[in-house]
Structures are given as structure tokens and as C-alpha cells.
């Protein structure tokens, strides 16, 4: 049997944030997209004329006080998530890794733009005095299809 060849990866580097990640070469990368504080967002290609939403992965990095523990950071972010409303938690915070950095992840559903239903995988991590929030966003029906790529991007994070 012919083995599928893994998709080629490109490397995204942000020297200002001291981090790098790999992402699929067919995905688009946009840096510093403004109002939400994203450092970078990676967008999957649309799958045809009726595909209205690009599944994506984004990373937000924010300064955090040195005394803030990972568990406190997770609790604060999780609390914010619960207050958004219209979100259904499928998996409460679970210990995980974001690259080599200790993290927690949660899985939840909620609305997407254009009346679509979304499913989210969100990681929270702290490295030094920076808090990392890494979010994979997909239409519910396409979540499993893109989950492997999202987890590979998460696993590739290197932060100094």
C-alpha cells in the first residue's frame, strides 16, 4: 500500500516573541492581526465554493506577572470562557503540552461567524513572564478532519 506523504511544513519565526512554529505549506499565515492580540494566525485553504470558513489556529501571547502560576492562568482564562455564554464545555482543563511547555487544554463548542457551529481546542501555557493561548477553531463537522494538523502545529511550538 502507498503511504500518504506528510504535508510539507513551513516555519514561522517571531524573533520579537522568541518563538517559532511549523505549519502546513498549504495554509496561509497572517501575523499580528490586531484587535484580538493575535501574534499569528494560520488559515486552512477553503475546500470549494461552498466552504465559508477557514479552519484555523491562532496564538495570542500576553505579559503575565512572574508570580502567576500556570494553574492560575488556566483558571482565569477558563473563567472568561465560561462567561462568554453560548459555549458548551466538552472537556474541562486537562494537563497537556504546548510544544515542550507544560500546558492545559480545553475543548468546547460555540458559534462561529455566519451562523455556523464551531468546535474549539484551546491550550494555555506560561513560559517566563508570557502567557500563551493557542486556539484551534473549526466548523463542528470538520473538527476531526483538521485536528491532526492543529495538534502538529501546537506540538511544534518552540518558545525561548
Protein backbone atom coordinates (compact mmCIF):
# COMPACT_ATOMS: atom_id res chain seq x y z
CA UNK A 1 0.00 0.00 0.00
CA UNK A 2 1.13 3.54 -0.76
CA UNK A 3 1.74 5.60 2.36
CA UNK A 4 0.39 9.16 2.19
CA UNK A 5 3.26 11.63 2.25
CA UNK A 6 3.09 14.04 5.15
CA UNK A 7 2.20 17.55 4.13
CA UNK A 8 5.19 19.86 3.71
CA UNK A 9 5.70 22.31 6.56
CA UNK A 10 6.78 25.90 6.58
CA UNK A 11 8.46 27.54 9.57
CA UNK A 12 7.04 30.69 11.17
CA UNK A 13 9.51 32.61 13.33
CA UNK A 14 8.86 35.65 15.50
CA UNK A 15 12.16 36.89 16.91
CA UNK A 16 10.44 39.63 18.93
CA UNK A 17 8.45 36.98 20.81
CA UNK A 18 11.31 34.46 20.80
CA UNK A 19 9.19 31.70 19.27
CA UNK A 20 8.79 29.54 16.19
CA UNK A 21 6.23 27.06 14.91
CA UNK A 22 5.74 24.84 11.89
CA UNK A 23 2.54 24.90 9.86
CA UNK A 24 1.27 23.11 6.72
CA UNK A 25 2.54 24.69 3.49
CA UNK A 26 -1.00 24.82 2.05
CA UNK A 27 -2.16 27.04 4.92
CA UNK A 28 -1.90 30.85 4.93
CA UNK A 29 -0.09 32.69 7.70
CA UNK A 30 -1.07 36.17 8.91
CA UNK A 31 0.92 37.98 11.54
CA UNK A 32 -0.21 40.37 14.27
CA UNK A 33 -3.83 40.61 13.22
CA UNK A 34 -4.65 43.42 15.62
CA UNK A 35 -7.79 43.75 17.70
CA UNK A 36 -7.71 40.30 19.34
CA UNK A 37 -3.98 40.46 20.09
CA UNK A 38 -3.04 37.50 17.88
CA UNK A 39 0.67 37.12 17.30
CA UNK A 40 -0.07 34.84 14.35
CA UNK A 41 -2.97 33.01 12.76
CA UNK A 42 -2.71 30.08 10.33
CA UNK A 43 -5.69 29.56 7.99
CA UNK A 44 -6.56 26.33 6.19
CA UNK A 45 -7.41 26.59 2.49
CA UNK A 46 -11.12 26.78 1.65
CA UNK A 47 -12.37 23.45 0.31
CA UNK A 48 -14.52 24.77 -2.52
CA UNK A 49 -17.06 27.44 -3.40
CA UNK A 50 -19.46 26.46 -0.61
CA UNK A 51 -16.83 26.43 2.15
CA UNK A 52 -17.48 29.65 4.08
CA UNK A 53 -14.98 29.21 6.93
CA UNK A 54 -11.23 28.59 7.03
CA UNK A 55 -10.38 26.28 9.90
CA UNK A 56 -7.55 27.99 11.74
CA UNK A 57 -5.04 28.04 14.52
CA UNK A 58 -4.08 31.22 16.32
CA UNK A 59 -1.64 32.15 19.03
CA UNK A 60 -2.04 35.01 21.49
CA UNK A 61 0.90 35.91 23.76
CA UNK A 62 0.43 38.28 26.66
CA UNK A 63 2.59 39.50 29.52
CA UNK A 64 1.77 37.85 32.85
CA UNK A 65 3.05 38.60 36.37
CA UNK A 66 6.03 36.44 37.38
CA UNK A 67 4.16 35.07 40.41
CA UNK A 68 1.21 33.82 38.31
CA UNK A 69 1.14 30.01 38.23
CA UNK A 70 0.03 28.01 35.21
CA UNK A 71 -2.99 26.81 37.18
CA UNK A 72 -3.99 30.41 38.00
CA UNK A 73 -3.58 31.40 34.33
CA UNK A 74 -5.72 28.44 33.24
CA UNK A 75 -8.38 29.23 35.85
CA UNK A 76 -8.57 32.90 34.77
CA UNK A 77 -8.86 32.00 31.07
CA UNK A 78 -11.35 29.23 31.77
CA UNK A 79 -13.48 31.60 33.86
CA UNK A 80 -13.50 34.10 30.96
CA UNK A 81 -14.56 31.32 28.61
CA UNK A 82 -17.47 30.37 30.86
CA UNK A 83 -18.65 33.99 30.95
CA UNK A 84 -18.77 34.32 27.14
CA UNK A 85 -22.05 32.39 27.06
CA UNK A 86 -23.23 30.24 24.16
CA UNK A 87 -20.23 27.98 24.82
CA UNK A 88 -20.63 24.33 25.74
CA UNK A 89 -17.63 22.80 27.51
CA UNK A 90 -16.90 19.30 26.20
CA UNK A 91 -13.63 18.76 28.05
CA UNK A 92 -12.63 20.71 31.16
CA UNK A 93 -8.94 21.68 31.58
CA UNK A 94 -6.63 18.67 31.10
CA UNK A 95 -2.84 18.65 31.61
CA UNK A 96 -1.01 18.69 28.29
CA UNK A 97 1.97 20.21 26.47
CA UNK A 98 2.24 23.10 24.03
CA UNK A 99 5.48 22.20 22.28
CA UNK A 100 7.82 21.48 25.20
CA UNK A 101 5.98 23.90 27.51
CA UNK A 102 3.66 22.46 30.20
CA UNK A 103 0.08 23.43 29.38
CA UNK A 104 -3.58 22.60 29.84
CA UNK A 105 -6.19 22.26 27.11
CA UNK A 106 -9.97 22.58 26.96
CA UNK A 107 -12.44 21.59 24.23
CA UNK A 108 -15.71 23.44 23.71
CA UNK A 109 -18.34 24.31 21.12
CA UNK A 110 -19.82 27.69 20.31
CA UNK A 111 -20.95 29.92 17.48
CA UNK A 112 -18.80 30.94 14.52
CA UNK A 113 -19.38 33.91 12.20
CA UNK A 114 -22.13 33.38 9.64
CA UNK A 115 -24.41 31.28 11.87
CA UNK A 116 -22.06 28.29 11.76
CA UNK A 117 -21.47 25.97 14.72
CA UNK A 118 -17.84 25.83 15.85
CA UNK A 119 -15.69 23.48 17.88
CA UNK A 120 -12.57 24.71 19.64
CA UNK A 121 -9.43 23.22 21.15
CA UNK A 122 -7.63 25.75 23.32
CA UNK A 123 -4.27 25.41 25.08
CA UNK A 124 -3.00 27.62 27.91
CA UNK A 125 0.69 27.76 28.83
CA UNK A 126 3.17 30.04 30.59
CA UNK A 127 6.83 30.45 29.66
CA UNK A 128 8.76 33.01 31.69
CA UNK A 129 6.60 36.11 32.01
CA UNK A 130 4.44 35.30 28.98
CA UNK A 131 1.07 33.61 28.82
CA UNK A 132 0.31 31.64 25.66
CA UNK A 133 -3.23 30.95 24.44
CA UNK A 134 -3.27 28.68 21.40
CA UNK A 135 -6.68 28.10 19.79
CA UNK A 136 -7.78 25.73 17.04
CA UNK A 137 -11.16 26.76 15.57
CA UNK A 138 -13.19 24.60 13.19
CA UNK A 139 -16.69 24.02 11.97
CA UNK A 140 -18.06 21.17 14.11
CA UNK A 141 -18.32 18.85 11.09
CA UNK A 142 -14.68 19.49 10.10
CA UNK A 143 -13.06 19.45 13.54
CA UNK A 144 -11.78 15.87 13.35
CA UNK A 145 -10.51 16.35 9.79
CA UNK A 146 -8.23 19.26 10.80
CA UNK A 147 -7.44 18.20 14.39
CA UNK A 148 -4.25 16.33 13.42
CA UNK A 149 -2.81 19.38 11.64
CA UNK A 150 -3.75 21.64 14.57
CA UNK A 151 -2.08 19.31 17.09
CA UNK A 152 1.07 19.14 14.92
CA UNK A 153 1.24 22.95 14.86
CA UNK A 154 0.78 23.02 18.67
CA UNK A 155 3.46 20.36 19.14
CA UNK A 156 5.91 22.33 17.00
CA UNK A 157 5.88 25.46 19.20
CA UNK A 158 9.34 26.42 20.42
CA UNK A 159 9.49 29.33 22.87
CA UNK A 160 12.57 30.82 24.50
